[in-house]
Amino acid sequence: MLAMGTFGLLQLYVGINWIRGHLGAELFRTFFRLSFGVGLASFFTALTIGQLTGYISPWTGRFWTLLDPTYAKEHIPIIASVSEHQVSRLNARQETLCHLTLIAAYFLVFVLL
C-alpha cells in the first residue's frame, strides 16, 4: 500500500507540473484554487450524503478501535475472549532484546581487543 501511495503522489506531482507548464502563472493559480475548492466540496458532499444514507457509519466499533486500540478488547466480547489466550508481544520483544544485548557485549569485547 505504501508503494501505491508513493506512486499516486508522484503521478499527482507530475500531473500538476505538466498542467503548470501549459498554463500561465495566473491562470494556473486560478485553475488550482478552483480545482481544489471543487474537489473539497465534492468530498464533503459525498461524505455527508454517505453518512445520511447509512453507507458510511463512523461511530461503529471499528471506527473507535482505530482511535483506541483497547476499545475492541473492552467492549466486544469475542475479541476479549480471544485476546486472553494470545501471547503478549512485549514478552517476545524483550526476549529478542536479551539476545541482542549478549551479541552486543561479545561484539564490544572483540572490537576492543
C-alpha atoms as a PDB file:
ATOM      1  CA  MET A   1       0.000   0.000   0.000  1.00  0.00           C
ATOM      2  CA  LEU A   2       2.865   2.369   0.718  1.00  0.00           C
ATOM      3  CA  ALA A   3       4.292   1.868  -2.761  1.00  0.00           C
ATOM      4  CA  MET A   4       0.872   2.513  -4.268  1.00  0.00           C
ATOM      5  CA  GLY A   5       0.538   5.740  -2.274  1.00  0.00           C
ATOM      6  CA  THR A   6       4.007   6.859  -3.324  1.00  0.00           C
ATOM      7  CA  PHE A   7       3.177   6.140  -6.956  1.00  0.00           C
ATOM      8  CA  GLY A   8      -0.056   8.125  -6.624  1.00  0.00           C
ATOM      9  CA  LEU A   9       1.735  11.116  -5.110  1.00  0.00           C
ATOM     10  CA  LEU A  10       4.350  11.041  -7.873  1.00  0.00           C
ATOM     11  CA  GLN A  11       1.607  10.954 -10.512  1.00  0.00           C
ATOM     12  CA  LEU A  12      -0.118  13.892  -8.837  1.00  0.00           C
ATOM     13  CA  TYR A  13       3.137  15.881  -8.714  1.00  0.00           C
ATOM     14  CA  VAL A  14       3.992  15.195 -12.352  1.00  0.00           C
ATOM     15  CA  GLY A  15       0.428  15.964 -13.460  1.00  0.00           C
ATOM     16  CA  ILE A  16       0.431  19.309 -11.644  1.00  0.00           C
ATOM     17  CA  ASN A  17       3.796  20.234 -13.161  1.00  0.00           C
ATOM     18  CA  TRP A  18       2.532  19.258 -16.621  1.00  0.00           C
ATOM     19  CA  ILE A  19      -0.539  21.471 -16.247  1.00  0.00           C
ATOM     20  CA  ARG A  20       1.628  24.279 -14.838  1.00  0.00           C
ATOM     21  CA  GLY A  21       3.834  24.076 -17.931  1.00  0.00           C
ATOM     22  CA  HIS A  22       0.852  24.515 -20.273  1.00  0.00           C
ATOM     23  CA  LEU A  23      -0.859  27.329 -18.368  1.00  0.00           C
ATOM     24  CA  GLY A  24       0.418  30.735 -17.349  1.00  0.00           C
ATOM     25  CA  ALA A  25       1.170  31.516 -13.693  1.00  0.00           C
ATOM     26  CA  GLU A  26      -2.031  33.477 -13.036  1.00  0.00           C
ATOM     27  CA  LEU A  27      -4.245  31.046 -14.959  1.00  0.00           C
ATOM     28  CA  PHE A  28      -2.665  28.081 -13.167  1.00  0.00           C
ATOM     29  CA  ARG A  29      -3.252  29.707  -9.763  1.00  0.00           C
ATOM     30  CA  THR A  30      -6.926  30.249 -10.658  1.00  0.00           C
ATOM     31  CA  PHE A  31      -7.249  26.707 -12.024  1.00  0.00           C
ATOM     32  CA  PHE A  32      -5.598  25.211  -8.937  1.00  0.00           C
ATOM     33  CA  ARG A  33      -7.809  27.138  -6.488  1.00  0.00           C
ATOM     34  CA  LEU A  34     -10.947  26.264  -8.430  1.00  0.00           C
ATOM     35  CA  SER A  35      -9.994  22.573  -8.713  1.00  0.00           C
ATOM     36  CA  PHE A  36      -9.079  22.350  -5.045  1.00  0.00           C
ATOM     37  CA  GLY A  37     -12.319  24.034  -3.973  1.00  0.00           C
ATOM     38  CA  VAL A  38     -14.484  21.827  -6.196  1.00  0.00           C
ATOM     39  CA  GLY A  39     -12.656  18.691  -5.024  1.00  0.00           C
ATOM     40  CA  LEU A  40     -13.007  19.627  -1.362  1.00  0.00           C
ATOM     41  CA  ALA A  41     -16.701  20.497  -1.753  1.00  0.00           C
ATOM     42  CA  SER A  42     -17.322  17.221  -3.624  1.00  0.00           C
ATOM     43  CA  PHE A  43     -15.576  15.212  -0.917  1.00  0.00           C
ATOM     44  CA  PHE A  44     -17.588  16.733   1.918  1.00  0.00           C
ATOM     45  CA  THR A  45     -20.822  16.456  -0.055  1.00  0.00           C
ATOM     46  CA  ALA A  46     -20.194  12.755  -0.715  1.00  0.00           C
ATOM     47  CA  LEU A  47     -19.227  12.229   2.936  1.00  0.00           C
ATOM     48  CA  THR A  48     -22.408  13.922   4.171  1.00  0.00           C
ATOM     49  CA  ILE A  49     -24.648  12.018   1.743  1.00  0.00           C
ATOM     50  CA  GLY A  50     -22.918   8.750   2.665  1.00  0.00           C
ATOM     51  CA  GLN A  51     -23.497   9.340   6.374  1.00  0.00           C
ATOM     52  CA  LEU A  52     -27.112  10.412   5.921  1.00  0.00           C
ATOM     53  CA  THR A  53     -27.971   7.388   3.762  1.00  0.00           C
ATOM     54  CA  GLY A  54     -26.164   4.958   6.055  1.00  0.00           C
ATOM     55  CA  TYR A  55     -23.401   3.845   3.682  1.00  0.00           C
ATOM     56  CA  ILE A  56     -20.802   5.380   5.999  1.00  0.00           C
ATOM     57  CA  SER A  57     -21.295   4.813   9.713  1.00  0.00           C
ATOM     58  CA  PRO A  58     -18.387   6.448  11.517  1.00  0.00           C
ATOM     59  CA  TRP A  59     -19.451   5.717  15.078  1.00  0.00           C
ATOM     60  CA  THR A  60     -19.146   1.919  14.964  1.00  0.00           C
ATOM     61  CA  GLY A  61     -16.774  -0.225  16.969  1.00  0.00           C
ATOM     62  CA  ARG A  62     -14.325  -0.481  14.089  1.00  0.00           C
ATOM     63  CA  PHE A  63     -14.053   3.321  13.987  1.00  0.00           C
ATOM     64  CA  TRP A  64     -13.400   3.557  17.713  1.00  0.00           C
ATOM     65  CA  THR A  65     -10.833   0.767  17.515  1.00  0.00           C
ATOM     66  CA  LEU A  66      -8.792   2.933  15.150  1.00  0.00           C
ATOM     67  CA  LEU A  67      -8.741   5.701  17.769  1.00  0.00           C
ATOM     68  CA  ASP A  68      -8.346   3.456  20.825  1.00  0.00           C
ATOM     69  CA  PRO A  69      -6.742   0.021  20.282  1.00  0.00           C
ATOM     70  CA  THR A  70      -8.108  -1.301  23.589  1.00  0.00           C
ATOM     71  CA  TYR A  71     -11.743  -0.476  22.656  1.00  0.00           C
ATOM     72  CA  ALA A  72     -12.430  -3.821  20.977  1.00  0.00           C
ATOM     73  CA  LYS A  73     -10.905  -5.812  23.829  1.00  0.00           C
ATOM     74  CA  GLU A  74     -13.049  -3.998  26.391  1.00  0.00           C
ATOM     75  CA  HIS A  75     -16.365  -3.678  24.513  1.00  0.00           C
ATOM     76  CA  ILE A  76     -16.600  -6.599  22.058  1.00  0.00           C
ATOM     77  CA  PRO A  77     -16.866  -9.928  23.970  1.00  0.00           C
ATOM     78  CA  ILE A  78     -15.496 -12.294  21.304  1.00  0.00           C
ATOM     79  CA  ILE A  79     -12.366 -10.228  20.827  1.00  0.00           C
ATOM     80  CA  ALA A  80     -11.853 -10.038  24.581  1.00  0.00           C
ATOM     81  CA  SER A  81     -12.069 -13.835  24.929  1.00  0.00           C
ATOM     82  CA  VAL A  82      -9.695 -14.450  22.017  1.00  0.00           C
ATOM     83  CA  SER A  83      -7.146 -11.876  23.162  1.00  0.00           C
ATOM     84  CA  GLU A  84      -6.936 -13.510  26.600  1.00  0.00           C
ATOM     85  CA  HIS A  85      -5.339 -16.578  25.019  1.00  0.00           C
ATOM     86  CA  GLN A  86      -2.774 -14.839  22.823  1.00  0.00           C
ATOM     87  CA  VAL A  87       0.849 -14.364  23.730  1.00  0.00           C
ATOM     88  CA  SER A  88       1.850 -10.860  24.690  1.00  0.00           C
ATOM     89  CA  ARG A  89       4.063  -9.261  22.061  1.00  0.00           C
ATOM     90  CA  LEU A  90       6.018  -7.310  24.677  1.00  0.00           C
ATOM     91  CA  ASN A  91       7.463 -10.566  26.055  1.00  0.00           C
ATOM     92  CA  ALA A  92       8.668 -11.548  22.579  1.00  0.00           C
ATOM     93  CA  ARG A  93      10.369  -8.187  22.131  1.00  0.00           C
ATOM     94  CA  GLN A  94      12.093  -8.483  25.484  1.00  0.00           C
ATOM     95  CA  GLU A  95      13.447 -11.906  24.558  1.00  0.00           C
ATOM     96  CA  THR A  96      14.806 -10.532  21.295  1.00  0.00           C
ATOM     97  CA  LEU A  97      16.437  -7.618  23.089  1.00  0.00           C
ATOM     98  CA  CYS A  98      18.001 -10.046  25.570  1.00  0.00           C
ATOM     99  CA  HIS A  99      19.791 -11.853  22.747  1.00  0.00           C
ATOM    100  CA  LEU A 100      20.853  -8.551  21.203  1.00  0.00           C
ATOM    101  CA  THR A 101      22.490  -7.422  24.447  1.00  0.00           C
ATOM    102  CA  LEU A 102      24.561 -10.616  24.545  1.00  0.00           C
ATOM    103  CA  ILE A 103      25.606 -10.201  20.923  1.00  0.00           C
ATOM    104  CA  ALA A 104      26.444  -6.542  21.525  1.00  0.00           C
ATOM    105  CA  ALA A 105      28.601  -7.472  24.538  1.00  0.00           C
ATOM    106  CA  TYR A 106      30.546 -10.056  22.504  1.00  0.00           C
ATOM    107  CA  PHE A 107      30.953  -7.548  19.666  1.00  0.00           C
ATOM    108  CA  LEU A 108      32.366  -4.898  22.018  1.00  0.00           C
ATOM    109  CA  VAL A 109      34.831  -7.397  23.528  1.00  0.00           C
ATOM    110  CA  PHE A 110      36.132  -8.473  20.120  1.00  0.00           C
ATOM    111  CA  VAL A 111      36.339  -4.881  18.831  1.00  0.00           C
ATOM    112  CA  LEU A 112      38.203  -3.625  21.880  1.00  0.00           C
ATOM    113  CA  LEU A 113      40.713  -6.496  21.849  1.00  0.00           C
END
